[in-house]
Amino acid sequence: MSQGSHAGSLEEAKALLAQARQEAEWARAKLQKVSEILRTLSTLSHKINNPLTSLLGRVQLLKLGAEADPKTIKATGVIEESGYQIARLIKELGHVVKQGRREVEEGPGDPREDS
């Protein structure tokens, strides 16, 4: 091999290394961003779920005390159903956050396994 081909190979290797470093930096920044989003979603879920639980408990108390008033019974039923819908969404969000955290912790798989 001539000295010129060694120099060319060395330059190619340096270029590949620089590209790999840049891709690794990009992946690390993306992973950090995803982690921050997951933390935010988890916090929001918790902050919504706490007052929602209180709200649903109060609706139960209102329903017990409003046995004779059909309007109150209907209104509390609507509030209760809406609360349970929100609770289901928060639960689904919690599953998404858990799955996302698992994926972040495991890191990317070997791209050769996708083939």
C-alpha atoms as a PDB file:
ATOM      1  CA  MET A   1       0.000   0.000   0.000  1.00  0.00           C
ATOM      2  CA  SER A   2       1.265   3.423  -0.804  1.00  0.00           C
ATOM      3  CA  GLN A   3       1.548   6.204   1.703  1.00  0.00           C
ATOM      4  CA  GLY A   4      -1.202   8.090  -0.144  1.00  0.00           C
ATOM      5  CA  SER A   5      -3.716   5.278   0.330  1.00  0.00           C
ATOM      6  CA  HIS A   6      -2.882   5.116   4.058  1.00  0.00           C
ATOM      7  CA  ALA A   7      -3.456   8.849   4.351  1.00  0.00           C
ATOM      8  CA  GLY A   8      -6.763   8.531   2.478  1.00  0.00           C
ATOM      9  CA  SER A   9      -7.894   5.692   4.742  1.00  0.00           C
ATOM     10  CA  LEU A  10      -6.906   7.676   7.801  1.00  0.00           C
ATOM     11  CA  GLU A  11      -8.876  10.705   6.615  1.00  0.00           C
ATOM     12  CA  GLU A  12     -11.900   8.504   5.879  1.00  0.00           C
ATOM     13  CA  ALA A  13     -11.652   6.982   9.338  1.00  0.00           C
ATOM     14  CA  LYS A  14     -11.439  10.446  10.932  1.00  0.00           C
ATOM     15  CA  ALA A  15     -14.474  11.591   8.957  1.00  0.00           C
ATOM     16  CA  LEU A  16     -16.451   8.503  10.010  1.00  0.00           C
ATOM     17  CA  LEU A  17     -15.449   9.013  13.624  1.00  0.00           C
ATOM     18  CA  ALA A  18     -16.508  12.671  13.511  1.00  0.00           C
ATOM     19  CA  GLN A  19     -19.849  11.662  11.991  1.00  0.00           C
ATOM     20  CA  ALA A  20     -20.375   8.966  14.635  1.00  0.00           C
ATOM     21  CA  ARG A  21     -19.615  11.466  17.408  1.00  0.00           C
ATOM     22  CA  GLN A  22     -22.057  13.963  15.931  1.00  0.00           C
ATOM     23  CA  GLU A  23     -24.782  11.299  15.665  1.00  0.00           C
ATOM     24  CA  ALA A  24     -24.127  10.173  19.242  1.00  0.00           C
ATOM     25  CA  GLU A  25     -24.399  13.761  20.473  1.00  0.00           C
ATOM     26  CA  TRP A  26     -27.660  14.219  18.581  1.00  0.00           C
ATOM     27  CA  ALA A  27     -29.040  10.955  20.009  1.00  0.00           C
ATOM     28  CA  ARG A  28     -28.022  11.969  23.545  1.00  0.00           C
ATOM     29  CA  ALA A  29     -29.722  15.356  23.170  1.00  0.00           C
ATOM     30  CA  LYS A  30     -32.861  13.692  21.811  1.00  0.00           C
ATOM     31  CA  LEU A  31     -32.884  11.185  24.673  1.00  0.00           C
ATOM     32  CA  GLN A  32     -32.542  13.993  27.200  1.00  0.00           C
ATOM     33  CA  LYS A  33     -35.465  15.846  25.590  1.00  0.00           C
ATOM     34  CA  VAL A  34     -37.640  12.718  25.681  1.00  0.00           C
ATOM     35  CA  SER A  35     -36.736  12.188  29.350  1.00  0.00           C
ATOM     36  CA  GLU A  36     -37.772  15.760  30.149  1.00  0.00           C
ATOM     37  CA  ILE A  37     -41.086  15.304  28.336  1.00  0.00           C
ATOM     38  CA  LEU A  38     -41.770  12.071  30.232  1.00  0.00           C
ATOM     39  CA  ARG A  39     -41.030  13.804  33.560  1.00  0.00           C
ATOM     40  CA  THR A  40     -43.402  16.630  32.651  1.00  0.00           C
ATOM     41  CA  LEU A  41     -46.161  14.211  31.653  1.00  0.00           C
ATOM     42  CA  SER A  42     -45.727  12.282  34.882  1.00  0.00           C
ATOM     43  CA  THR A  43     -45.947  15.486  36.939  1.00  0.00           C
ATOM     44  CA  LEU A  44     -49.038  16.672  35.066  1.00  0.00           C
ATOM     45  CA  SER A  45     -50.688  13.297  35.519  1.00  0.00           C
ATOM     46  CA  HIS A  46     -50.097  13.437  39.269  1.00  0.00           C
ATOM     47  CA  LYS A  47     -51.278  17.044  39.556  1.00  0.00           C
ATOM     48  CA  ILE A  48     -54.501  16.250  37.680  1.00  0.00           C
ATOM     49  CA  ASN A  49     -55.193  12.962  39.428  1.00  0.00           C
ATOM     50  CA  ASN A  50     -55.054  14.339  42.990  1.00  0.00           C
ATOM     51  CA  PRO A  51     -57.845  16.930  42.664  1.00  0.00           C
ATOM     52  CA  LEU A  52     -59.795  14.589  40.393  1.00  0.00           C
ATOM     53  CA  THR A  53     -59.925  11.969  43.130  1.00  0.00           C
ATOM     54  CA  SER A  54     -61.216  14.597  45.549  1.00  0.00           C
ATOM     55  CA  LEU A  55     -63.782  15.786  43.005  1.00  0.00           C
ATOM     56  CA  LEU A  56     -65.127  12.286  42.422  1.00  0.00           C
ATOM     57  CA  GLY A  57     -65.387  11.712  46.165  1.00  0.00           C
ATOM     58  CA  ARG A  58     -67.379  14.929  46.608  1.00  0.00           C
ATOM     59  CA  VAL A  59     -69.693  13.936  43.750  1.00  0.00           C
ATOM     60  CA  GLN A  60     -70.465  10.713  45.589  1.00  0.00           C
ATOM     61  CA  LEU A  61     -71.377  12.714  48.686  1.00  0.00           C
ATOM     62  CA  LEU A  62     -73.606  15.042  46.642  1.00  0.00           C
ATOM     63  CA  LYS A  63     -75.385  12.082  45.067  1.00  0.00           C
ATOM     64  CA  LEU A  64     -76.127  10.641  48.495  1.00  0.00           C
ATOM     65  CA  GLY A  65     -77.583  13.926  49.719  1.00  0.00           C
ATOM     66  CA  ALA A  66     -79.597  14.662  46.556  1.00  0.00           C
ATOM     67  CA  GLU A  67     -81.815  11.587  46.426  1.00  0.00           C
ATOM     68  CA  ALA A  68     -85.003  13.611  45.870  1.00  0.00           C
ATOM     69  CA  ASP A  69     -83.772  16.231  43.386  1.00  0.00           C
ATOM     70  CA  PRO A  70     -83.631  14.821  39.822  1.00  0.00           C
ATOM     71  CA  LYS A  71     -81.685  17.826  38.474  1.00  0.00           C
ATOM     72  CA  THR A  72     -78.946  17.376  41.047  1.00  0.00           C
ATOM     73  CA  ILE A  73     -78.834  13.640  40.432  1.00  0.00           C
ATOM     74  CA  LYS A  74     -78.489  14.225  36.690  1.00  0.00           C
ATOM     75  CA  ALA A  75     -75.819  16.930  37.154  1.00  0.00           C
ATOM     76  CA  THR A  76     -73.766  14.801  39.544  1.00  0.00           C
ATOM     77  CA  GLY A  77     -74.022  11.888  37.106  1.00  0.00           C
ATOM     78  CA  VAL A  78     -72.594  14.038  34.300  1.00  0.00           C
ATOM     79  CA  ILE A  79     -69.815  15.311  36.546  1.00  0.00           C
ATOM     80  CA  GLU A  80     -69.028  11.800  37.718  1.00  0.00           C
ATOM     81  CA  GLU A  81     -68.889  10.352  34.191  1.00  0.00           C
ATOM     82  CA  SER A  82     -66.637  13.195  33.027  1.00  0.00           C
ATOM     83  CA  GLY A  83     -64.384  12.613  36.008  1.00  0.00           C
ATOM     84  CA  TYR A  84     -64.090   8.920  35.220  1.00  0.00           C
ATOM     85  CA  GLN A  85     -63.276   9.712  31.589  1.00  0.00           C
ATOM     86  CA  ILE A  86     -60.484  12.001  32.737  1.00  0.00           C
ATOM     87  CA  ALA A  87     -59.272   9.326  35.164  1.00  0.00           C
ATOM     88  CA  ARG A  88     -59.099   6.761  32.331  1.00  0.00           C
ATOM     89  CA  LEU A  89     -57.088   9.181  30.188  1.00  0.00           C
ATOM     90  CA  ILE A  90     -54.702   9.869  33.061  1.00  0.00           C
ATOM     91  CA  LYS A  91     -54.260   6.116  33.560  1.00  0.00           C
ATOM     92  CA  GLU A  92     -53.477   5.664  29.850  1.00  0.00           C
ATOM     93  CA  LEU A  93     -51.023   8.552  30.056  1.00  0.00           C
ATOM     94  CA  GLY A  94     -49.349   6.824  32.983  1.00  0.00           C
ATOM     95  CA  HIS A  95     -48.890   3.679  30.885  1.00  0.00           C
ATOM     96  CA  VAL A  96     -47.348   5.735  28.066  1.00  0.00           C
ATOM     97  CA  VAL A  97     -44.946   7.388  30.519  1.00  0.00           C
ATOM     98  CA  LYS A  98     -43.912   4.022  32.010  1.00  0.00           C
ATOM     99  CA  GLN A  99     -43.327   2.527  28.563  1.00  0.00           C
ATOM    100  CA  GLY A 100     -41.372   5.585  27.486  1.00  0.00           C
ATOM    101  CA  ARG A 101     -39.184   5.435  30.578  1.00  0.00           C
ATOM    102  CA  ARG A 102     -38.493   1.756  29.948  1.00  0.00           C
ATOM    103  CA  GLU A 103     -37.449   2.523  26.380  1.00  0.00           C
ATOM    104  CA  VAL A 104     -35.242   5.411  27.499  1.00  0.00           C
ATOM    105  CA  GLU A 105     -33.555   3.237  30.139  1.00  0.00           C
ATOM    106  CA  GLU A 106     -32.997   0.362  27.716  1.00  0.00           C
ATOM    107  CA  GLY A 107     -31.626   2.672  25.044  1.00  0.00           C
ATOM    108  CA  PRO A 108     -31.706   1.993  21.348  1.00  0.00           C
ATOM    109  CA  GLY A 109     -31.446  -1.593  20.271  1.00  0.00           C
ATOM    110  CA  ASP A 110     -28.873  -2.923  17.870  1.00  0.00           C
ATOM    111  CA  PRO A 111     -29.918  -1.581  14.444  1.00  0.00           C
ATOM    112  CA  ARG A 112     -28.651  -4.811  12.878  1.00  0.00           C
ATOM    113  CA  GLU A 113     -31.467  -6.672  14.682  1.00  0.00           C
ATOM    114  CA  ASP A 114     -34.107  -4.790  12.626  1.00  0.00           C
ATOM    115  CA  SER A 115     -33.022  -6.491   9.418  1.00  0.00           C
END
